[in-house]
């Protein structure tokens, strides 16, 4: 883990994939009171990267300060990803504008890697781990990986209207309805129980 003051996990990683956890970092996206930004600074961005496991502990330490500079780009990537993934989850065609934004980030990230050999072929980033753009490239690669995988068909939205977090439905019969049974699932069940008692 990153050596930051708060040692508990900052993000509720229910998405099942780092790309969806990135989208879910804008909490209460559809709430009437407005969304809650969880990526409030560079430290929070590094925490997200660290907690989702897309960076090493060494990369996390080196990015801890510089990551602030990547925040605007990461949020733009997140919002384009959100539009595209929500469209896919709702069986709609993603808007061309947001696809073009993702394409730009994907191509930039792809151009920042080179092939090297270390007990086999592997991709390596051209920049060192202290480059703030590394955070953007790594997240772009994660979004791209999900978008081009078979798992895209498993993307669902939480049934709670004010939540609607994205997650991969890996249940046997593909019937998962809530991002988190303990939170949103229990809320819905409690409301139904209260409604039955009041009837």
N, C-alpha and C. Protein backbone atom coordinates (compact mmCIF):
# COMPACT_ATOMS: atom_id res chain seq x y z
N UNK A 1 0.84 -1.20 0.00
CA UNK A 1 0.00 0.00 0.00
C UNK A 1 0.87 1.25 0.00
N UNK A 2 0.31 2.36 -0.48
CA UNK A 2 1.03 3.63 -0.47
C UNK A 2 1.15 4.11 0.96
N UNK A 3 2.27 4.74 1.30
CA UNK A 3 2.48 5.24 2.64
C UNK A 3 1.80 6.60 2.79
N UNK A 4 0.49 6.60 2.95
CA UNK A 4 -0.30 7.80 3.12
C UNK A 4 -0.94 7.77 4.50
N UNK A 5 -1.35 8.94 5.02
CA UNK A 5 -1.87 8.99 6.38
C UNK A 5 -3.04 8.04 6.63
N UNK A 6 -4.00 7.98 5.70
CA UNK A 6 -5.17 7.12 5.88
C UNK A 6 -4.85 5.72 5.37
N UNK A 7 -4.89 4.73 6.25
CA UNK A 7 -4.48 3.38 5.88
C UNK A 7 -5.65 2.51 5.44
N UNK A 8 -6.88 2.90 5.76
CA UNK A 8 -8.01 2.11 5.30
C UNK A 8 -8.24 2.38 3.82
N UNK A 9 -8.98 1.49 3.16
CA UNK A 9 -9.24 1.70 1.74
C UNK A 9 -10.15 2.91 1.57
N UNK A 10 -9.84 3.70 0.57
CA UNK A 10 -10.57 4.93 0.30
C UNK A 10 -11.73 4.69 -0.66
N UNK A 11 -11.54 3.71 -1.56
CA UNK A 11 -12.53 3.46 -2.61
C UNK A 11 -13.22 2.11 -2.40
N UNK A 12 -14.52 2.09 -2.67
CA UNK A 12 -15.30 0.87 -2.58
C UNK A 12 -15.22 0.19 -3.95
N UNK A 13 -14.35 -0.78 -4.08
CA UNK A 13 -14.05 -1.39 -5.39
C UNK A 13 -15.02 -2.52 -5.69
N UNK A 14 -16.22 -2.15 -6.10
CA UNK A 14 -17.25 -3.15 -6.40
C UNK A 14 -17.41 -3.36 -7.90
N UNK A 15 -16.68 -2.59 -8.71
CA UNK A 15 -16.85 -2.65 -10.16
C UNK A 15 -16.41 -3.95 -10.79
N UNK A 16 -15.44 -4.62 -10.18
CA UNK A 16 -14.93 -5.85 -10.75
C UNK A 16 -13.88 -5.62 -11.82
N UNK A 17 -13.57 -4.36 -12.09
CA UNK A 17 -12.54 -4.01 -13.06
C UNK A 17 -12.09 -2.58 -12.77
N UNK A 18 -10.77 -2.30 -12.87
CA UNK A 18 -10.28 -0.94 -12.57
C UNK A 18 -10.96 0.15 -13.39
N UNK A 19 -11.33 -0.14 -14.64
CA UNK A 19 -11.97 0.87 -15.48
C UNK A 19 -13.33 1.28 -14.91
N UNK A 20 -14.07 0.31 -14.36
CA UNK A 20 -15.37 0.62 -13.77
C UNK A 20 -15.22 1.29 -12.41
N UNK A 21 -14.19 0.89 -11.66
CA UNK A 21 -13.93 1.55 -10.39
C UNK A 21 -13.52 3.01 -10.63
N UNK A 22 -12.85 3.28 -11.74
CA UNK A 22 -12.53 4.66 -12.11
C UNK A 22 -13.82 5.45 -12.33
N UNK A 23 -14.74 4.91 -13.11
CA UNK A 23 -16.02 5.59 -13.36
C UNK A 23 -16.76 5.82 -12.05
N UNK A 24 -16.75 4.83 -11.17
CA UNK A 24 -17.47 4.93 -9.89
C UNK A 24 -16.81 5.90 -8.91
N UNK A 25 -15.64 6.44 -9.25
CA UNK A 25 -14.99 7.40 -8.36
C UNK A 25 -15.71 8.74 -8.34
N UNK A 26 -16.66 8.95 -9.28
CA UNK A 26 -17.60 10.07 -9.15
C UNK A 26 -18.86 9.46 -8.54
N UNK A 27 -19.00 9.64 -7.24
CA UNK A 27 -20.07 8.98 -6.49
C UNK A 27 -21.38 9.76 -6.62
N UNK A 28 -22.50 9.06 -6.43
CA UNK A 28 -23.83 9.68 -6.50
C UNK A 28 -24.01 10.48 -7.80
N UNK A 29 -23.52 9.91 -8.87
CA UNK A 29 -23.53 10.58 -10.18
C UNK A 29 -24.93 11.06 -10.57
N UNK A 30 -25.97 10.33 -10.19
CA UNK A 30 -27.33 10.66 -10.60
C UNK A 30 -28.19 11.18 -9.45
N UNK A 31 -27.56 11.57 -8.36
CA UNK A 31 -28.30 12.08 -7.21
C UNK A 31 -28.84 13.48 -7.50
N UNK A 32 -30.01 13.78 -6.96
CA UNK A 32 -30.60 15.12 -7.13
C UNK A 32 -29.73 16.19 -6.48
N UNK A 33 -28.98 15.80 -5.45
CA UNK A 33 -28.10 16.75 -4.76
C UNK A 33 -26.78 16.95 -5.49
N UNK A 34 -26.60 16.23 -6.58
CA UNK A 34 -25.36 16.37 -7.33
C UNK A 34 -24.35 15.31 -6.92
N UNK A 35 -23.37 15.04 -7.79
CA UNK A 35 -22.38 13.99 -7.52
C UNK A 35 -21.36 14.38 -6.46
N UNK A 36 -20.67 13.38 -5.96
CA UNK A 36 -19.59 13.58 -4.99
C UNK A 36 -18.29 13.14 -5.64
N UNK A 37 -17.36 14.06 -5.75
CA UNK A 37 -16.07 13.78 -6.36
C UNK A 37 -15.15 13.07 -5.37
N UNK A 38 -14.71 11.85 -5.71
CA UNK A 38 -13.79 11.12 -4.84
C UNK A 38 -12.34 11.34 -5.25
N UNK A 39 -12.12 11.73 -6.52
CA UNK A 39 -10.76 12.05 -6.97
C UNK A 39 -10.52 13.53 -6.74
N UNK A 40 -10.32 13.89 -5.49
CA UNK A 40 -10.21 15.30 -5.13
C UNK A 40 -8.78 15.84 -5.25
N UNK A 41 -7.81 14.97 -5.38
CA UNK A 41 -6.43 15.43 -5.49
C UNK A 41 -5.51 14.31 -5.94
N UNK A 42 -4.23 14.63 -6.02
CA UNK A 42 -3.25 13.65 -6.48
C UNK A 42 -3.13 12.45 -5.58
N UNK A 43 -3.20 12.67 -4.27
CA UNK A 43 -3.09 11.55 -3.33
C UNK A 43 -4.23 10.56 -3.52
N UNK A 44 -5.43 11.09 -3.76
CA UNK A 44 -6.59 10.23 -3.97
C UNK A 44 -6.45 9.45 -5.28
N UNK A 45 -5.89 10.10 -6.29
CA UNK A 45 -5.67 9.40 -7.56
C UNK A 45 -4.69 8.25 -7.38
N UNK A 46 -3.60 8.50 -6.65
CA UNK A 46 -2.63 7.43 -6.39
C UNK A 46 -3.27 6.31 -5.58
N UNK A 47 -4.14 6.67 -4.62
CA UNK A 47 -4.83 5.65 -3.84
C UNK A 47 -5.69 4.77 -4.74
N UNK A 48 -6.41 5.39 -5.69
CA UNK A 48 -7.24 4.61 -6.61
C UNK A 48 -6.38 3.66 -7.43
N UNK A 49 -5.28 4.17 -7.97
CA UNK A 49 -4.38 3.33 -8.76
C UNK A 49 -3.82 2.18 -7.92
N UNK A 50 -3.46 2.50 -6.69
CA UNK A 50 -2.88 1.51 -5.78
C UNK A 50 -3.92 0.47 -5.36
N UNK A 51 -5.09 0.92 -4.96
CA UNK A 51 -6.11 0.00 -4.45
C UNK A 51 -6.67 -0.90 -5.55
N UNK A 52 -6.70 -0.41 -6.80
CA UNK A 52 -7.17 -1.26 -7.90
C UNK A 52 -6.07 -2.18 -8.41
N UNK A 53 -4.84 -1.99 -7.94
CA UNK A 53 -3.75 -2.88 -8.29
C UNK A 53 -3.15 -2.66 -9.66
N UNK A 54 -3.34 -1.47 -10.25
CA UNK A 54 -2.81 -1.23 -11.59
C UNK A 54 -1.41 -0.62 -11.57
N UNK A 55 -0.92 -0.28 -10.38
CA UNK A 55 0.47 0.19 -10.25
C UNK A 55 1.16 -0.58 -9.14
N UNK A 56 2.48 -0.57 -9.21
CA UNK A 56 3.28 -1.23 -8.18
C UNK A 56 3.47 -0.28 -7.00
N UNK A 57 3.94 -0.81 -5.90
CA UNK A 57 4.20 0.02 -4.72
C UNK A 57 5.25 1.09 -5.02
N UNK A 58 6.26 0.74 -5.83
CA UNK A 58 7.29 1.71 -6.19
C UNK A 58 6.71 2.83 -7.05
N UNK A 59 5.87 2.48 -8.02
CA UNK A 59 5.22 3.49 -8.85
C UNK A 59 4.35 4.41 -7.99
N UNK A 60 3.65 3.83 -7.02
CA UNK A 60 2.78 4.61 -6.14
C UNK A 60 3.58 5.64 -5.36
N UNK A 61 4.74 5.24 -4.85
CA UNK A 61 5.58 6.17 -4.09
C UNK A 61 6.07 7.31 -4.97
N UNK A 62 6.48 7.00 -6.19
CA UNK A 62 7.03 8.01 -7.09
C UNK A 62 5.96 8.94 -7.65
N UNK A 63 4.73 8.43 -7.78
CA UNK A 63 3.64 9.24 -8.32
C UNK A 63 2.94 10.08 -7.26
N UNK A 64 3.23 9.84 -6.00
CA UNK A 64 2.48 10.45 -4.91
C UNK A 64 2.39 11.97 -5.03
N UNK A 65 3.47 12.63 -5.40
CA UNK A 65 3.44 14.08 -5.58
C UNK A 65 2.99 14.52 -6.96
N UNK A 66 3.63 13.99 -8.02
CA UNK A 66 3.32 14.45 -9.38
C UNK A 66 1.90 14.15 -9.87
N UNK A 67 1.21 13.20 -9.27
CA UNK A 67 -0.09 12.76 -9.79
C UNK A 67 -1.11 13.89 -9.88
N UNK A 68 -0.96 14.91 -9.05
CA UNK A 68 -1.88 16.05 -9.07
C UNK A 68 -1.99 16.65 -10.47
N UNK A 69 -0.87 16.66 -11.21
CA UNK A 69 -0.85 17.26 -12.55
C UNK A 69 -1.68 16.46 -13.56
N UNK A 70 -1.96 15.20 -13.26
CA UNK A 70 -2.69 14.34 -14.19
C UNK A 70 -4.19 14.32 -13.92
N UNK A 71 -4.62 15.00 -12.86
CA UNK A 71 -6.00 14.89 -12.39
C UNK A 71 -7.02 15.30 -13.44
N UNK A 72 -6.79 16.41 -14.13
CA UNK A 72 -7.75 16.89 -15.12
C UNK A 72 -7.91 15.89 -16.26
N UNK A 73 -6.80 15.35 -16.74
CA UNK A 73 -6.86 14.36 -17.82
C UNK A 73 -7.56 13.08 -17.37
N UNK A 74 -7.27 12.65 -16.15
CA UNK A 74 -7.91 11.42 -15.62
C UNK A 74 -9.42 11.61 -15.52
N UNK A 75 -9.83 12.79 -15.08
CA UNK A 75 -11.28 13.05 -14.98
C UNK A 75 -11.92 13.08 -16.37
N UNK A 76 -11.23 13.65 -17.35
CA UNK A 76 -11.78 13.66 -18.71
C UNK A 76 -11.90 12.22 -19.25
N UNK A 77 -10.86 11.42 -19.01
CA UNK A 77 -10.90 10.01 -19.40
C UNK A 77 -12.05 9.30 -18.70
N UNK A 78 -12.21 9.58 -17.41
CA UNK A 78 -13.28 8.93 -16.62
C UNK A 78 -14.65 9.27 -17.17
N UNK A 79 -14.89 10.54 -17.48
CA UNK A 79 -16.23 10.94 -17.93
C UNK A 79 -16.56 10.40 -19.32
N UNK A 80 -15.57 10.36 -20.21
CA UNK A 80 -15.80 9.74 -21.52
C UNK A 80 -16.06 8.25 -21.35
N UNK A 81 -15.31 7.62 -20.47
CA UNK A 81 -15.51 6.19 -20.19
C UNK A 81 -16.90 5.94 -19.62
N UNK A 82 -17.34 6.84 -18.72
CA UNK A 82 -18.67 6.70 -18.12
C UNK A 82 -19.76 6.74 -19.18
N UNK A 83 -19.69 7.71 -20.08
CA UNK A 83 -20.71 7.83 -21.12
C UNK A 83 -20.75 6.56 -21.97
N UNK A 84 -19.57 6.06 -22.35
CA UNK A 84 -19.49 4.89 -23.21
C UNK A 84 -19.96 3.63 -22.48
N UNK A 85 -19.50 3.42 -21.25
CA UNK A 85 -19.88 2.21 -20.52
C UNK A 85 -21.36 2.20 -20.14
N UNK A 86 -21.91 3.37 -19.76
CA UNK A 86 -23.35 3.43 -19.45
C UNK A 86 -24.17 3.14 -20.71
N UNK A 87 -23.73 3.65 -21.84
CA UNK A 87 -24.43 3.39 -23.10
C UNK A 87 -24.43 1.88 -23.40
N UNK A 88 -23.28 1.25 -23.21
CA UNK A 88 -23.16 -0.19 -23.47
C UNK A 88 -24.06 -0.97 -22.51
N UNK A 89 -24.06 -0.58 -21.23
CA UNK A 89 -24.88 -1.28 -20.23
C UNK A 89 -26.36 -1.15 -20.54
N UNK A 90 -26.74 -0.04 -21.18
CA UNK A 90 -28.15 0.22 -21.49
C UNK A 90 -28.48 -0.13 -22.95
N UNK A 91 -27.56 -0.83 -23.59
CA UNK A 91 -27.77 -1.30 -24.97
C UNK A 91 -28.03 -0.15 -25.94
N UNK A 92 -27.26 0.94 -25.75
CA UNK A 92 -27.33 2.08 -26.66
C UNK A 92 -25.98 2.22 -27.37
N UNK A 93 -25.97 2.91 -28.50
CA UNK A 93 -24.72 3.19 -29.20
C UNK A 93 -24.01 4.34 -28.51
N UNK A 94 -22.75 4.16 -28.11
CA UNK A 94 -22.02 5.25 -27.46
C UNK A 94 -21.85 6.44 -28.40
N UNK A 95 -21.93 7.66 -27.88
CA UNK A 95 -21.76 8.85 -28.72
C UNK A 95 -20.36 8.91 -29.35
N UNK A 96 -20.31 9.38 -30.60
CA UNK A 96 -19.05 9.45 -31.34
C UNK A 96 -18.04 10.36 -30.64
N UNK A 97 -18.52 11.44 -30.03
CA UNK A 97 -17.61 12.38 -29.37
C UNK A 97 -16.83 11.71 -28.25
N UNK A 98 -17.52 10.91 -27.44
CA UNK A 98 -16.85 10.25 -26.31
C UNK A 98 -15.96 9.11 -26.79
N UNK A 99 -16.37 8.43 -27.85
CA UNK A 99 -15.50 7.41 -28.44
C UNK A 99 -14.22 8.05 -28.97
N UNK A 100 -14.34 9.24 -29.56
CA UNK A 100 -13.16 9.94 -30.07
C UNK A 100 -12.23 10.35 -28.94
N UNK A 101 -12.80 10.76 -27.81
CA UNK A 101 -11.98 11.10 -26.64
C UNK A 101 -11.21 9.88 -26.16
N UNK A 102 -11.90 8.73 -26.07
CA UNK A 102 -11.23 7.50 -25.65
C UNK A 102 -10.15 7.11 -26.65
N UNK A 103 -10.46 7.23 -27.93
CA UNK A 103 -9.47 6.90 -28.96
C UNK A 103 -8.20 7.71 -28.79
N UNK A 104 -8.36 9.00 -28.52
CA UNK A 104 -7.19 9.87 -28.32
C UNK A 104 -6.34 9.39 -27.14
N UNK A 105 -7.00 9.06 -26.04
CA UNK A 105 -6.26 8.58 -24.87
C UNK A 105 -5.62 7.21 -25.14
N UNK A 106 -6.33 6.33 -25.82
CA UNK A 106 -5.79 5.00 -26.11
C UNK A 106 -4.55 5.10 -26.99
N UNK A 107 -4.63 5.91 -28.04
CA UNK A 107 -3.50 6.04 -28.97
C UNK A 107 -2.28 6.66 -28.28
N UNK A 108 -2.53 7.66 -27.45
CA UNK A 108 -1.43 8.28 -26.71
C UNK A 108 -0.75 7.27 -25.80
N UNK A 109 -1.56 6.49 -25.07
CA UNK A 109 -1.00 5.49 -24.16
C UNK A 109 -0.21 4.43 -24.94
N UNK A 110 -0.76 3.97 -26.06
CA UNK A 110 -0.07 2.95 -26.86
C UNK A 110 1.28 3.43 -27.37
N UNK A 111 1.38 4.72 -27.67
CA UNK A 111 2.63 5.28 -28.18
C UNK A 111 3.67 5.51 -27.09
N UNK A 112 3.30 5.27 -25.85
CA UNK A 112 4.23 5.50 -24.74
C UNK A 112 4.84 4.19 -24.21
N UNK A 113 4.67 3.12 -24.98
CA UNK A 113 5.22 1.82 -24.55
C UNK A 113 6.17 1.28 -25.60
N UNK A 114 7.10 0.46 -25.14
CA UNK A 114 7.97 -0.25 -26.07
C UNK A 114 8.08 -1.72 -25.64
N UNK A 115 8.37 -2.56 -26.59
CA UNK A 115 8.46 -3.99 -26.34
C UNK A 115 9.86 -4.32 -25.85
N UNK A 116 9.96 -5.06 -24.77
CA UNK A 116 11.27 -5.51 -24.29
C UNK A 116 11.17 -6.97 -23.87
N UNK A 117 12.32 -7.55 -23.61
CA UNK A 117 12.39 -8.97 -23.26
C UNK A 117 12.91 -9.14 -21.86
N UNK A 118 12.10 -9.78 -21.02
CA UNK A 118 12.54 -10.11 -19.66
C UNK A 118 11.86 -11.42 -19.29
N UNK A 119 12.56 -12.53 -19.57
CA UNK A 119 11.97 -13.87 -19.44
C UNK A 119 10.72 -14.00 -20.33
N UNK A 120 10.69 -13.28 -21.40
CA UNK A 120 9.56 -13.28 -22.32
C UNK A 120 9.25 -11.86 -22.77
N UNK A 121 8.41 -11.75 -23.78
CA UNK A 121 8.05 -10.43 -24.31
C UNK A 121 7.12 -9.71 -23.34
N UNK A 122 7.35 -8.41 -23.17
CA UNK A 122 6.50 -7.60 -22.29
C UNK A 122 6.56 -6.15 -22.74
N UNK A 123 5.47 -5.44 -22.47
CA UNK A 123 5.43 -4.01 -22.75
C UNK A 123 5.98 -3.24 -21.55
N UNK A 124 6.70 -2.17 -21.83
CA UNK A 124 7.26 -1.32 -20.78
C UNK A 124 6.99 0.13 -21.13
N UNK A 125 6.64 0.92 -20.13
CA UNK A 125 6.38 2.34 -20.37
C UNK A 125 7.68 3.07 -20.66
N UNK A 126 7.63 4.02 -21.60
CA UNK A 126 8.81 4.78 -21.97
C UNK A 126 9.26 5.73 -20.87
N UNK A 127 8.29 6.31 -20.15
CA UNK A 127 8.62 7.28 -19.10
C UNK A 127 8.88 6.58 -17.78
N UNK A 128 9.61 7.28 -16.89
CA UNK A 128 9.82 6.69 -15.56
C UNK A 128 8.57 6.89 -14.71
N UNK A 129 8.54 6.22 -13.58
CA UNK A 129 7.33 6.16 -12.76
C UNK A 129 6.95 7.48 -12.11
N UNK A 130 7.84 8.49 -12.15
CA UNK A 130 7.50 9.78 -11.56
C UNK A 130 6.78 10.70 -12.54
N UNK A 131 6.63 10.27 -13.78
CA UNK A 131 5.93 11.07 -14.78
C UNK A 131 4.43 11.03 -14.49
N UNK A 132 3.79 12.18 -14.23
CA UNK A 132 2.37 12.17 -13.87
C UNK A 132 1.47 11.58 -14.96
N UNK A 133 1.91 11.68 -16.22
CA UNK A 133 1.11 11.14 -17.31
C UNK A 133 0.99 9.62 -17.25
N UNK A 134 1.89 8.99 -16.50
CA UNK A 134 1.84 7.54 -16.36
C UNK A 134 0.48 7.10 -15.80
N UNK A 135 -0.05 7.89 -14.87
CA UNK A 135 -1.37 7.57 -14.30
C UNK A 135 -2.44 7.55 -15.38
N UNK A 136 -2.38 8.51 -16.30
CA UNK A 136 -3.37 8.59 -17.39
C UNK A 136 -3.20 7.41 -18.34
N UNK A 137 -1.95 7.10 -18.68
CA UNK A 137 -1.68 6.01 -19.62
C UNK A 137 -2.15 4.66 -19.06
N UNK A 138 -1.84 4.43 -17.79
CA UNK A 138 -2.22 3.15 -17.18
C UNK A 138 -3.74 3.01 -17.13
N UNK A 139 -4.44 4.07 -16.75
CA UNK A 139 -5.90 4.00 -16.70
C UNK A 139 -6.50 3.89 -18.10
N UNK A 140 -5.89 4.57 -19.08
CA UNK A 140 -6.34 4.46 -20.47
C UNK A 140 -6.22 3.02 -20.95
N UNK A 141 -5.11 2.40 -20.61
CA UNK A 141 -4.89 1.00 -20.99
C UNK A 141 -5.94 0.09 -20.34
N UNK A 142 -6.29 0.39 -19.10
CA UNK A 142 -7.29 -0.40 -18.40
C UNK A 142 -8.66 -0.27 -19.05
N UNK A 143 -9.05 0.96 -19.40
CA UNK A 143 -10.33 1.20 -20.06
C UNK A 143 -10.36 0.49 -21.41
N UNK A 144 -9.26 0.60 -22.15
CA UNK A 144 -9.15 -0.03 -23.46
C UNK A 144 -9.28 -1.55 -23.34
N UNK A 145 -8.61 -2.11 -22.36
CA UNK A 145 -8.63 -3.57 -22.16
C UNK A 145 -10.05 -4.06 -21.95
N UNK A 146 -10.83 -3.34 -21.13
CA UNK A 146 -12.20 -3.76 -20.88
C UNK A 146 -13.08 -3.56 -22.12
N UNK A 147 -12.91 -2.44 -22.78
CA UNK A 147 -13.74 -2.11 -23.94
C UNK A 147 -13.60 -3.15 -25.06
N UNK A 148 -12.40 -3.71 -25.19
CA UNK A 148 -12.16 -4.67 -26.27
C UNK A 148 -12.25 -6.12 -25.82
N UNK A 149 -12.73 -6.35 -24.61
CA UNK A 149 -12.80 -7.72 -24.09
C UNK A 149 -14.23 -8.25 -24.17
N UNK A 150 -14.37 -9.55 -24.01
CA UNK A 150 -15.70 -10.18 -23.98
C UNK A 150 -16.49 -9.77 -22.75
N UNK A 151 -15.79 -9.31 -21.73
CA UNK A 151 -16.46 -8.94 -20.48
C UNK A 151 -17.35 -7.71 -20.62
N UNK A 152 -17.24 -7.02 -21.74
CA UNK A 152 -18.05 -5.83 -21.97
C UNK A 152 -19.54 -6.17 -21.87
N UNK A 153 -19.89 -7.41 -22.22
CA UNK A 153 -21.30 -7.83 -22.16
C UNK A 153 -21.79 -8.02 -20.74
N UNK A 154 -20.87 -8.03 -19.76
CA UNK A 154 -21.25 -8.25 -18.36
C UNK A 154 -21.47 -6.94 -17.61
N UNK A 155 -21.27 -5.79 -18.26
CA UNK A 155 -21.41 -4.52 -17.57
C UNK A 155 -22.88 -4.26 -17.22
N UNK A 156 -23.11 -3.95 -15.95
CA UNK A 156 -24.44 -3.64 -15.46
C UNK A 156 -24.39 -2.34 -14.65
N UNK A 157 -25.58 -1.76 -14.42
CA UNK A 157 -25.68 -0.60 -13.53
C UNK A 157 -26.48 -1.00 -12.31
N UNK A 158 -26.11 -0.44 -11.17
CA UNK A 158 -26.83 -0.71 -9.92
C UNK A 158 -28.28 -0.26 -10.07
N UNK A 159 -29.21 -1.05 -9.55
CA UNK A 159 -30.65 -0.76 -9.67
C UNK A 159 -31.10 0.44 -8.84
N UNK A 160 -30.29 0.88 -7.90
CA UNK A 160 -30.68 2.04 -7.09
C UNK A 160 -30.46 3.30 -7.92
N UNK A 161 -31.53 4.06 -8.14
CA UNK A 161 -31.48 5.20 -9.06
C UNK A 161 -30.43 6.24 -8.70
N UNK A 162 -30.24 6.51 -7.42
CA UNK A 162 -29.27 7.53 -7.03
C UNK A 162 -27.85 7.01 -7.05
N UNK A 163 -27.69 5.70 -7.16
CA UNK A 163 -26.35 5.11 -7.19
C UNK A 163 -25.92 4.85 -8.63
N UNK A 164 -26.49 3.84 -9.21
CA UNK A 164 -26.22 3.43 -10.59
C UNK A 164 -24.74 3.19 -10.87
N UNK A 165 -23.99 2.74 -9.86
CA UNK A 165 -22.59 2.39 -10.09
C UNK A 165 -22.52 1.27 -11.11
N UNK A 166 -21.42 1.24 -11.83
CA UNK A 166 -21.18 0.19 -12.81
C UNK A 166 -20.47 -0.99 -12.17
N UNK A 167 -20.78 -2.20 -12.65
CA UNK A 167 -20.09 -3.39 -12.16
C UNK A 167 -20.17 -4.48 -13.22
N UNK A 168 -19.28 -5.45 -13.12
CA UNK A 168 -19.33 -6.63 -13.98
C UNK A 168 -20.19 -7.69 -13.29
N UNK A 169 -21.23 -8.11 -13.98
CA UNK A 169 -22.10 -9.15 -13.43
C UNK A 169 -21.53 -10.52 -13.79
N UNK A 170 -20.85 -11.11 -12.85
CA UNK A 170 -20.24 -12.43 -13.07
C UNK A 170 -21.05 -13.54 -12.38
N UNK A 171 -22.27 -13.20 -11.94
CA UNK A 171 -23.10 -14.21 -11.29
C UNK A 171 -23.50 -15.29 -12.29
N UNK A 172 -23.82 -16.47 -11.77
CA UNK A 172 -24.10 -17.62 -12.63
C UNK A 172 -25.23 -17.36 -13.62
N UNK A 173 -26.32 -16.79 -13.12
CA UNK A 173 -27.48 -16.57 -14.00
C UNK A 173 -27.60 -15.11 -14.46
N UNK A 174 -26.52 -14.33 -14.26
CA UNK A 174 -26.45 -12.92 -14.70
C UNK A 174 -27.64 -12.11 -14.18
N UNK A 175 -27.93 -12.27 -12.90
CA UNK A 175 -29.09 -11.60 -12.32
C UNK A 175 -28.71 -10.61 -11.21
N UNK A 176 -27.44 -10.30 -11.08
CA UNK A 176 -27.02 -9.36 -10.04
C UNK A 176 -27.64 -7.99 -10.30
N UNK A 177 -28.22 -7.37 -9.27
CA UNK A 177 -28.96 -6.12 -9.45
C UNK A 177 -28.31 -4.93 -8.78
N UNK A 178 -27.48 -5.18 -7.77
CA UNK A 178 -26.93 -4.08 -7.00
C UNK A 178 -25.40 -4.12 -7.03
N UNK A 179 -24.80 -2.94 -6.93
CA UNK A 179 -23.35 -2.87 -6.90
C UNK A 179 -22.81 -3.55 -5.65
N UNK A 180 -23.54 -3.38 -4.53
CA UNK A 180 -23.11 -3.91 -3.25
C UNK A 180 -24.35 -4.32 -2.46
N UNK A 181 -24.49 -5.60 -2.22
CA UNK A 181 -25.67 -6.10 -1.51
C UNK A 181 -25.79 -5.49 -0.11
N UNK A 182 -24.65 -5.32 0.56
CA UNK A 182 -24.67 -4.80 1.93
C UNK A 182 -25.12 -3.35 1.99
N UNK A 183 -24.90 -2.60 0.91
CA UNK A 183 -25.26 -1.18 0.92
C UNK A 183 -26.55 -0.96 0.15
N UNK A 184 -26.48 -0.98 -1.17
CA UNK A 184 -27.66 -0.69 -1.98
C UNK A 184 -28.72 -1.78 -1.88
N UNK A 185 -28.32 -3.03 -1.85
CA UNK A 185 -29.28 -4.12 -1.74
C UNK A 185 -30.08 -4.03 -0.46
N UNK A 186 -29.41 -3.77 0.65
CA UNK A 186 -30.11 -3.67 1.94
C UNK A 186 -31.01 -2.44 1.99
N UNK A 187 -30.59 -1.34 1.34
CA UNK A 187 -31.43 -0.14 1.31
C UNK A 187 -32.76 -0.44 0.61
N UNK A 188 -32.67 -1.11 -0.55
CA UNK A 188 -33.88 -1.44 -1.30
C UNK A 188 -34.77 -2.35 -0.49
N UNK A 189 -34.19 -3.37 0.14
CA UNK A 189 -34.99 -4.31 0.93
C UNK A 189 -35.64 -3.61 2.13
N UNK A 190 -34.91 -2.68 2.74
CA UNK A 190 -35.46 -1.95 3.89
C UNK A 190 -36.63 -1.07 3.45
N UNK A 191 -36.50 -0.42 2.29
CA UNK A 191 -37.59 0.42 1.77
C UNK A 191 -38.83 -0.42 1.48
N UNK A 192 -38.61 -1.59 0.87
CA UNK A 192 -39.75 -2.47 0.56
C UNK A 192 -40.44 -2.94 1.83
N UNK A 193 -39.63 -3.26 2.84
CA UNK A 193 -40.18 -3.71 4.12
C UNK A 193 -41.03 -2.60 4.75
N UNK A 194 -40.50 -1.36 4.74
CA UNK A 194 -41.24 -0.23 5.30
C UNK A 194 -42.52 0.03 4.53
N UNK A 195 -42.45 -0.11 3.19
CA UNK A 195 -43.64 0.12 2.36
C UNK A 195 -44.71 -0.92 2.67
N UNK A 196 -44.31 -2.19 2.90
CA UNK A 196 -45.29 -3.24 3.22
C UNK A 196 -45.92 -2.99 4.59
N UNK A 197 -45.11 -2.52 5.53
CA UNK A 197 -45.64 -2.26 6.87
C UNK A 197 -46.61 -1.09 6.86
N UNK A 198 -46.35 -0.11 5.98
CA UNK A 198 -47.21 1.07 5.92
C UNK A 198 -48.47 0.84 5.12
N UNK A 199 -48.50 -0.27 4.37
CA UNK A 199 -49.67 -0.52 3.50
C UNK A 199 -50.86 -1.00 4.31
